[in-house]
Amino acid sequence: MSLPKKILVGEDSSIIINLTKNVLAFENYEMTAARNGKQVLEKLENEDFDLILMDISMPVLDGIACTKLIREMKDEKKSSIPIIAISGNIHNMTHEDFRKAGFDDFIQKPLDYDRVLATVKKFLN
């Protein structure tokens, strides 16, 4: 049996973190949470992940700035990890804006967890 896929979730809302963890666990994904972009970078430095779900609006370091820093990492595996944006202000950005910021896909808040799982599976299966 293969090891569970590891997902790093950058999100400052405890409610969204807990709901996301429960939904991902149902599909046997292993989730680690980070509450801001700085913590995302710290966790990514110390561990390998298969995918990142990244909130755009976080304290300390927002999701766009964090994603740009990840894309600039010297470690090719880490710099090319799939990153899915999560945002409540999705209408303020075009598909092209998300791509230019380094995201592979995006999901709008409030989160539809069927969509979250479908998007995660698209990149991990």
N, C-alpha and C. Protein backbone atom coordinates (compact mmCIF):
# COMPACT_ATOMS: atom_id res chain seq x y z
N MET A 1 0.83 -1.19 0.00
CA MET A 1 0.00 0.00 0.00
C MET A 1 0.88 1.25 0.00
N SER A 2 0.52 2.22 -0.80
CA SER A 2 1.34 3.42 -0.89
C SER A 2 1.07 4.36 0.28
N LEU A 3 2.04 5.21 0.54
CA LEU A 3 1.90 6.18 1.61
C LEU A 3 0.84 7.20 1.23
N PRO A 4 0.14 7.76 2.24
CA PRO A 4 -0.86 8.78 1.91
C PRO A 4 -0.19 10.03 1.34
N LYS A 5 -0.87 10.70 0.43
CA LYS A 5 -0.36 11.95 -0.13
C LYS A 5 -0.44 13.02 0.95
N LYS A 6 0.59 13.89 0.96
CA LYS A 6 0.68 14.92 2.00
C LYS A 6 0.30 16.28 1.41
N ILE A 7 -0.65 16.93 2.08
CA ILE A 7 -1.14 18.23 1.63
C ILE A 7 -0.87 19.27 2.70
N LEU A 8 -0.28 20.37 2.29
CA LEU A 8 -0.03 21.51 3.17
C LEU A 8 -1.13 22.53 2.91
N VAL A 9 -1.81 22.94 3.97
CA VAL A 9 -2.90 23.92 3.83
C VAL A 9 -2.48 25.21 4.52
N GLY A 10 -2.36 26.27 3.73
CA GLY A 10 -2.09 27.60 4.26
C GLY A 10 -3.42 28.32 4.42
N GLU A 11 -3.87 28.48 5.66
CA GLU A 11 -5.20 29.04 5.92
C GLU A 11 -5.22 29.57 7.35
N ASP A 12 -5.76 30.76 7.56
CA ASP A 12 -5.78 31.33 8.90
C ASP A 12 -7.07 31.05 9.66
N SER A 13 -8.08 30.48 9.03
CA SER A 13 -9.35 30.18 9.69
C SER A 13 -9.34 28.76 10.27
N SER A 14 -9.52 28.67 11.60
CA SER A 14 -9.56 27.36 12.27
C SER A 14 -10.71 26.51 11.75
N ILE A 15 -11.83 27.13 11.47
CA ILE A 15 -13.01 26.40 10.98
C ILE A 15 -12.69 25.74 9.64
N ILE A 16 -12.12 26.51 8.72
CA ILE A 16 -11.78 25.96 7.40
C ILE A 16 -10.70 24.88 7.53
N ILE A 17 -9.72 25.11 8.40
CA ILE A 17 -8.67 24.10 8.62
C ILE A 17 -9.29 22.78 9.08
N ASN A 18 -10.18 22.84 10.07
CA ASN A 18 -10.78 21.62 10.62
C ASN A 18 -11.67 20.92 9.61
N LEU A 19 -12.51 21.67 8.89
CA LEU A 19 -13.36 21.06 7.87
C LEU A 19 -12.52 20.42 6.77
N THR A 20 -11.49 21.13 6.32
CA THR A 20 -10.63 20.63 5.25
C THR A 20 -9.91 19.36 5.70
N LYS A 21 -9.42 19.36 6.93
CA LYS A 21 -8.72 18.18 7.46
C LYS A 21 -9.64 16.96 7.45
N ASN A 22 -10.89 17.15 7.90
CA ASN A 22 -11.84 16.04 7.93
C ASN A 22 -12.16 15.52 6.53
N VAL A 23 -12.35 16.41 5.59
CA VAL A 23 -12.67 16.01 4.22
C VAL A 23 -11.47 15.28 3.59
N LEU A 24 -10.27 15.81 3.77
CA LEU A 24 -9.08 15.18 3.18
C LEU A 24 -8.79 13.83 3.83
N ALA A 25 -9.02 13.72 5.14
CA ALA A 25 -8.78 12.45 5.85
C ALA A 25 -9.71 11.36 5.32
N PHE A 26 -10.91 11.75 4.93
CA PHE A 26 -11.88 10.81 4.38
C PHE A 26 -11.32 10.12 3.14
N GLU A 27 -10.48 10.82 2.39
CA GLU A 27 -9.85 10.26 1.19
C GLU A 27 -8.43 9.78 1.46
N ASN A 28 -8.07 9.67 2.75
CA ASN A 28 -6.76 9.18 3.18
C ASN A 28 -5.60 10.11 2.80
N TYR A 29 -5.88 11.41 2.68
CA TYR A 29 -4.81 12.39 2.50
C TYR A 29 -4.36 12.84 3.88
N GLU A 30 -3.07 13.10 4.00
CA GLU A 30 -2.50 13.57 5.26
C GLU A 30 -2.34 15.09 5.16
N MET A 31 -2.93 15.84 6.12
CA MET A 31 -2.90 17.28 6.03
C MET A 31 -2.09 17.91 7.15
N THR A 32 -1.32 18.93 6.79
CA THR A 32 -0.61 19.77 7.74
C THR A 32 -1.10 21.18 7.52
N ALA A 33 -1.38 21.90 8.61
CA ALA A 33 -1.87 23.27 8.49
C ALA A 33 -0.80 24.28 8.84
N ALA A 34 -0.85 25.41 8.16
CA ALA A 34 -0.02 26.57 8.46
C ALA A 34 -0.95 27.77 8.46
N ARG A 35 -0.80 28.66 9.42
CA ARG A 35 -1.76 29.76 9.58
C ARG A 35 -1.38 31.04 8.84
N ASN A 36 -0.20 31.07 8.23
CA ASN A 36 0.20 32.22 7.42
C ASN A 36 1.28 31.78 6.45
N GLY A 37 1.60 32.66 5.50
CA GLY A 37 2.57 32.31 4.47
C GLY A 37 3.95 32.01 5.01
N LYS A 38 4.36 32.70 6.08
CA LYS A 38 5.67 32.44 6.68
C LYS A 38 5.73 31.00 7.20
N GLN A 39 4.65 30.55 7.86
CA GLN A 39 4.61 29.17 8.36
C GLN A 39 4.58 28.16 7.21
N VAL A 40 3.91 28.51 6.12
CA VAL A 40 3.90 27.63 4.94
C VAL A 40 5.34 27.41 4.48
N LEU A 41 6.10 28.49 4.34
CA LEU A 41 7.49 28.38 3.88
C LEU A 41 8.34 27.57 4.87
N GLU A 42 8.15 27.79 6.17
CA GLU A 42 8.91 27.04 7.18
C GLU A 42 8.62 25.55 7.10
N LYS A 43 7.34 25.21 6.98
CA LYS A 43 6.97 23.79 6.91
C LYS A 43 7.49 23.15 5.61
N LEU A 44 7.44 23.91 4.52
CA LEU A 44 7.92 23.40 3.24
C LEU A 44 9.44 23.21 3.24
N GLU A 45 10.16 24.04 3.99
CA GLU A 45 11.61 23.88 4.11
C GLU A 45 11.97 22.55 4.79
N ASN A 46 11.14 22.16 5.77
CA ASN A 46 11.46 21.01 6.61
C ASN A 46 10.82 19.70 6.19
N GLU A 47 9.82 19.75 5.32
CA GLU A 47 9.09 18.55 4.91
C GLU A 47 8.78 18.59 3.43
N ASP A 48 8.48 17.42 2.90
CA ASP A 48 8.02 17.34 1.52
C ASP A 48 6.51 17.19 1.51
N PHE A 49 5.86 17.88 0.58
CA PHE A 49 4.42 17.78 0.41
C PHE A 49 4.12 17.50 -1.06
N ASP A 50 2.94 16.94 -1.31
CA ASP A 50 2.54 16.62 -2.67
C ASP A 50 1.70 17.73 -3.30
N LEU A 51 1.13 18.61 -2.46
CA LEU A 51 0.25 19.66 -2.95
C LEU A 51 0.05 20.69 -1.85
N ILE A 52 -0.21 21.94 -2.25
CA ILE A 52 -0.50 23.01 -1.29
C ILE A 52 -1.85 23.63 -1.65
N LEU A 53 -2.70 23.76 -0.64
CA LEU A 53 -3.91 24.58 -0.75
C LEU A 53 -3.58 25.89 -0.05
N MET A 54 -3.66 27.01 -0.77
CA MET A 54 -3.15 28.28 -0.26
C MET A 54 -4.22 29.37 -0.27
N ASP A 55 -4.58 29.82 0.94
CA ASP A 55 -5.48 30.97 1.04
C ASP A 55 -4.75 32.20 0.53
N ILE A 56 -5.46 33.05 -0.20
CA ILE A 56 -4.84 34.27 -0.73
C ILE A 56 -4.63 35.29 0.39
N SER A 57 -5.63 35.44 1.26
CA SER A 57 -5.59 36.46 2.33
C SER A 57 -5.21 35.83 3.66
N MET A 58 -3.92 35.96 4.01
CA MET A 58 -3.43 35.46 5.29
C MET A 58 -2.57 36.54 5.93
N PRO A 59 -2.46 36.52 7.27
CA PRO A 59 -1.58 37.49 7.93
C PRO A 59 -0.10 37.15 7.70
N VAL A 60 0.76 38.05 8.08
CA VAL A 60 2.22 37.92 8.03
C VAL A 60 2.74 37.92 6.59
N LEU A 61 2.33 36.91 5.79
CA LEU A 61 2.74 36.80 4.39
C LEU A 61 1.55 36.22 3.64
N ASP A 62 1.01 36.97 2.68
CA ASP A 62 -0.20 36.49 1.99
C ASP A 62 0.12 35.37 1.01
N GLY A 63 -0.93 34.73 0.51
CA GLY A 63 -0.77 33.57 -0.35
C GLY A 63 -0.09 33.85 -1.67
N ILE A 64 -0.30 35.03 -2.23
CA ILE A 64 0.34 35.36 -3.51
C ILE A 64 1.84 35.54 -3.32
N ALA A 65 2.24 36.31 -2.30
CA ALA A 65 3.67 36.52 -2.03
C ALA A 65 4.34 35.19 -1.68
N CYS A 66 3.66 34.37 -0.88
CA CYS A 66 4.20 33.07 -0.48
C CYS A 66 4.40 32.17 -1.70
N THR A 67 3.40 32.14 -2.59
CA THR A 67 3.49 31.30 -3.79
C THR A 67 4.66 31.74 -4.67
N LYS A 68 4.84 33.04 -4.83
CA LYS A 68 5.97 33.53 -5.63
C LYS A 68 7.31 33.09 -5.03
N LEU A 69 7.42 33.12 -3.69
CA LEU A 69 8.65 32.66 -3.03
C LEU A 69 8.86 31.16 -3.22
N ILE A 70 7.78 30.38 -3.18
CA ILE A 70 7.90 28.94 -3.41
C ILE A 70 8.39 28.68 -4.84
N ARG A 71 7.84 29.40 -5.80
CA ARG A 71 8.23 29.20 -7.21
C ARG A 71 9.69 29.57 -7.46
N GLU A 72 10.28 30.39 -6.58
CA GLU A 72 11.68 30.79 -6.72
C GLU A 72 12.65 29.88 -5.96
N MET A 73 12.14 28.87 -5.25
CA MET A 73 13.01 27.98 -4.47
C MET A 73 13.98 27.23 -5.38
N LYS A 74 15.18 26.98 -4.86
CA LYS A 74 16.19 26.26 -5.63
C LYS A 74 15.85 24.78 -5.80
N ASP A 75 15.19 24.19 -4.80
CA ASP A 75 14.79 22.79 -4.85
C ASP A 75 13.67 22.66 -5.89
N GLU A 76 13.98 22.00 -7.01
CA GLU A 76 13.03 21.91 -8.13
C GLU A 76 11.74 21.20 -7.75
N LYS A 77 11.85 20.19 -6.90
CA LYS A 77 10.65 19.44 -6.48
C LYS A 77 9.70 20.37 -5.71
N LYS A 78 10.28 21.18 -4.84
CA LYS A 78 9.45 22.09 -4.03
C LYS A 78 8.95 23.27 -4.86
N SER A 79 9.76 23.77 -5.75
CA SER A 79 9.35 24.95 -6.53
C SER A 79 8.27 24.61 -7.57
N SER A 80 8.12 23.33 -7.88
CA SER A 80 7.12 22.94 -8.89
C SER A 80 5.90 22.24 -8.28
N ILE A 81 5.80 22.23 -6.95
CA ILE A 81 4.66 21.59 -6.29
C ILE A 81 3.35 22.24 -6.75
N PRO A 82 2.31 21.46 -6.99
CA PRO A 82 1.02 22.07 -7.36
C PRO A 82 0.49 22.93 -6.21
N ILE A 83 0.10 24.15 -6.53
CA ILE A 83 -0.47 25.06 -5.53
C ILE A 83 -1.84 25.51 -6.02
N ILE A 84 -2.84 25.28 -5.17
CA ILE A 84 -4.21 25.66 -5.49
C ILE A 84 -4.60 26.84 -4.61
N ALA A 85 -4.97 27.94 -5.23
CA ALA A 85 -5.39 29.14 -4.49
C ALA A 85 -6.79 28.94 -3.93
N ILE A 86 -7.01 29.49 -2.73
CA ILE A 86 -8.33 29.52 -2.12
C ILE A 86 -8.61 30.99 -1.83
N SER A 87 -9.75 31.49 -2.31
CA SER A 87 -10.03 32.91 -2.11
C SER A 87 -11.51 33.22 -2.10
N GLY A 88 -11.88 34.15 -1.25
CA GLY A 88 -13.23 34.67 -1.25
C GLY A 88 -13.39 35.81 -2.24
N ASN A 89 -12.26 36.35 -2.70
CA ASN A 89 -12.28 37.48 -3.64
C ASN A 89 -11.85 37.06 -5.03
N ILE A 90 -12.29 35.90 -5.43
CA ILE A 90 -11.86 35.31 -6.68
C ILE A 90 -12.26 36.16 -7.90
N HIS A 91 -13.34 36.92 -7.76
CA HIS A 91 -13.82 37.72 -8.89
C HIS A 91 -12.92 38.93 -9.17
N ASN A 92 -12.02 39.25 -8.22
CA ASN A 92 -11.09 40.35 -8.42
C ASN A 92 -9.89 39.94 -9.28
N MET A 93 -9.74 38.65 -9.53
CA MET A 93 -8.61 38.15 -10.31
C MET A 93 -9.11 37.28 -11.46
N THR A 94 -8.40 37.35 -12.58
CA THR A 94 -8.74 36.50 -13.72
C THR A 94 -7.96 35.19 -13.62
N HIS A 95 -8.34 34.21 -14.46
CA HIS A 95 -7.58 32.96 -14.53
C HIS A 95 -6.11 33.27 -14.78
N GLU A 96 -5.86 34.22 -15.68
CA GLU A 96 -4.49 34.59 -16.04
C GLU A 96 -3.74 35.19 -14.84
N ASP A 97 -4.43 35.99 -14.02
CA ASP A 97 -3.79 36.57 -12.83
C ASP A 97 -3.32 35.46 -11.88
N PHE A 98 -4.16 34.44 -11.70
CA PHE A 98 -3.77 33.32 -10.83
C PHE A 98 -2.57 32.58 -11.41
N ARG A 99 -2.59 32.33 -12.70
CA ARG A 99 -1.47 31.62 -13.35
C ARG A 99 -0.17 32.43 -13.22
N LYS A 100 -0.26 33.74 -13.48
CA LYS A 100 0.93 34.60 -13.38
C LYS A 100 1.48 34.63 -11.96
N ALA A 101 0.59 34.51 -10.97
CA ALA A 101 1.03 34.50 -9.57
C ALA A 101 1.66 33.16 -9.18
N GLY A 102 1.55 32.15 -10.06
CA GLY A 102 2.20 30.86 -9.81
C GLY A 102 1.26 29.75 -9.37
N PHE A 103 -0.04 30.02 -9.36
CA PHE A 103 -1.00 28.99 -8.95
C PHE A 103 -1.33 28.06 -10.11
N ASP A 104 -1.60 26.81 -9.77
CA ASP A 104 -1.98 25.82 -10.78
C ASP A 104 -3.49 25.79 -10.99
N ASP A 105 -4.24 26.20 -9.97
CA ASP A 105 -5.70 26.19 -10.04
C ASP A 105 -6.20 27.04 -8.89
N PHE A 106 -7.52 27.23 -8.81
CA PHE A 106 -8.07 28.00 -7.70
C PHE A 106 -9.48 27.53 -7.37
N ILE A 107 -9.86 27.76 -6.11
CA ILE A 107 -11.17 27.38 -5.60
C ILE A 107 -11.74 28.59 -4.86
N GLN A 108 -13.00 28.87 -5.09
CA GLN A 108 -13.63 30.00 -4.44
C GLN A 108 -14.22 29.64 -3.09
N LYS A 109 -14.12 30.58 -2.13
CA LYS A 109 -14.82 30.46 -0.85
C LYS A 109 -16.21 31.06 -1.04
N PRO A 110 -17.23 30.62 -0.31
CA PRO A 110 -17.16 29.51 0.65
C PRO A 110 -16.86 28.19 -0.07
N LEU A 111 -16.06 27.38 0.58
CA LEU A 111 -15.57 26.16 -0.05
C LEU A 111 -16.66 25.12 -0.27
N ASP A 112 -16.69 24.60 -1.46
CA ASP A 112 -17.53 23.45 -1.80
C ASP A 112 -16.57 22.26 -1.72
N TYR A 113 -16.75 21.42 -0.69
CA TYR A 113 -15.75 20.38 -0.45
C TYR A 113 -15.73 19.28 -1.50
N ASP A 114 -16.81 19.11 -2.23
CA ASP A 114 -16.77 18.20 -3.38
C ASP A 114 -15.80 18.76 -4.42
N ARG A 115 -15.85 20.06 -4.62
CA ARG A 115 -14.94 20.72 -5.57
C ARG A 115 -13.50 20.67 -5.07
N VAL A 116 -13.32 20.88 -3.76
CA VAL A 116 -11.97 20.80 -3.18
C VAL A 116 -11.38 19.42 -3.47
N LEU A 117 -12.13 18.36 -3.15
CA LEU A 117 -11.63 17.00 -3.38
C LEU A 117 -11.38 16.72 -4.86
N ALA A 118 -12.29 17.16 -5.71
CA ALA A 118 -12.11 16.92 -7.15
C ALA A 118 -10.85 17.62 -7.65
N THR A 119 -10.61 18.84 -7.17
CA THR A 119 -9.42 19.59 -7.62
C THR A 119 -8.15 18.95 -7.08
N VAL A 120 -8.16 18.54 -5.82
CA VAL A 120 -6.99 17.87 -5.23
C VAL A 120 -6.69 16.58 -6.00
N LYS A 121 -7.73 15.79 -6.24
CA LYS A 121 -7.54 14.51 -6.96
C LYS A 121 -6.99 14.73 -8.36
N LYS A 122 -7.41 15.81 -9.00
CA LYS A 122 -6.94 16.11 -10.36
C LYS A 122 -5.42 16.22 -10.38
N PHE A 123 -4.83 16.75 -9.30
CA PHE A 123 -3.38 16.93 -9.27
C PHE A 123 -2.63 15.77 -8.63
N LEU A 124 -3.32 14.96 -7.82
CA LEU A 124 -2.61 13.90 -7.09
C LEU A 124 -2.83 12.50 -7.64
N ASN A 125 -3.76 12.32 -8.55
CA ASN A 125 -3.99 10.96 -9.07
C ASN A 125 -3.48 10.78 -10.49
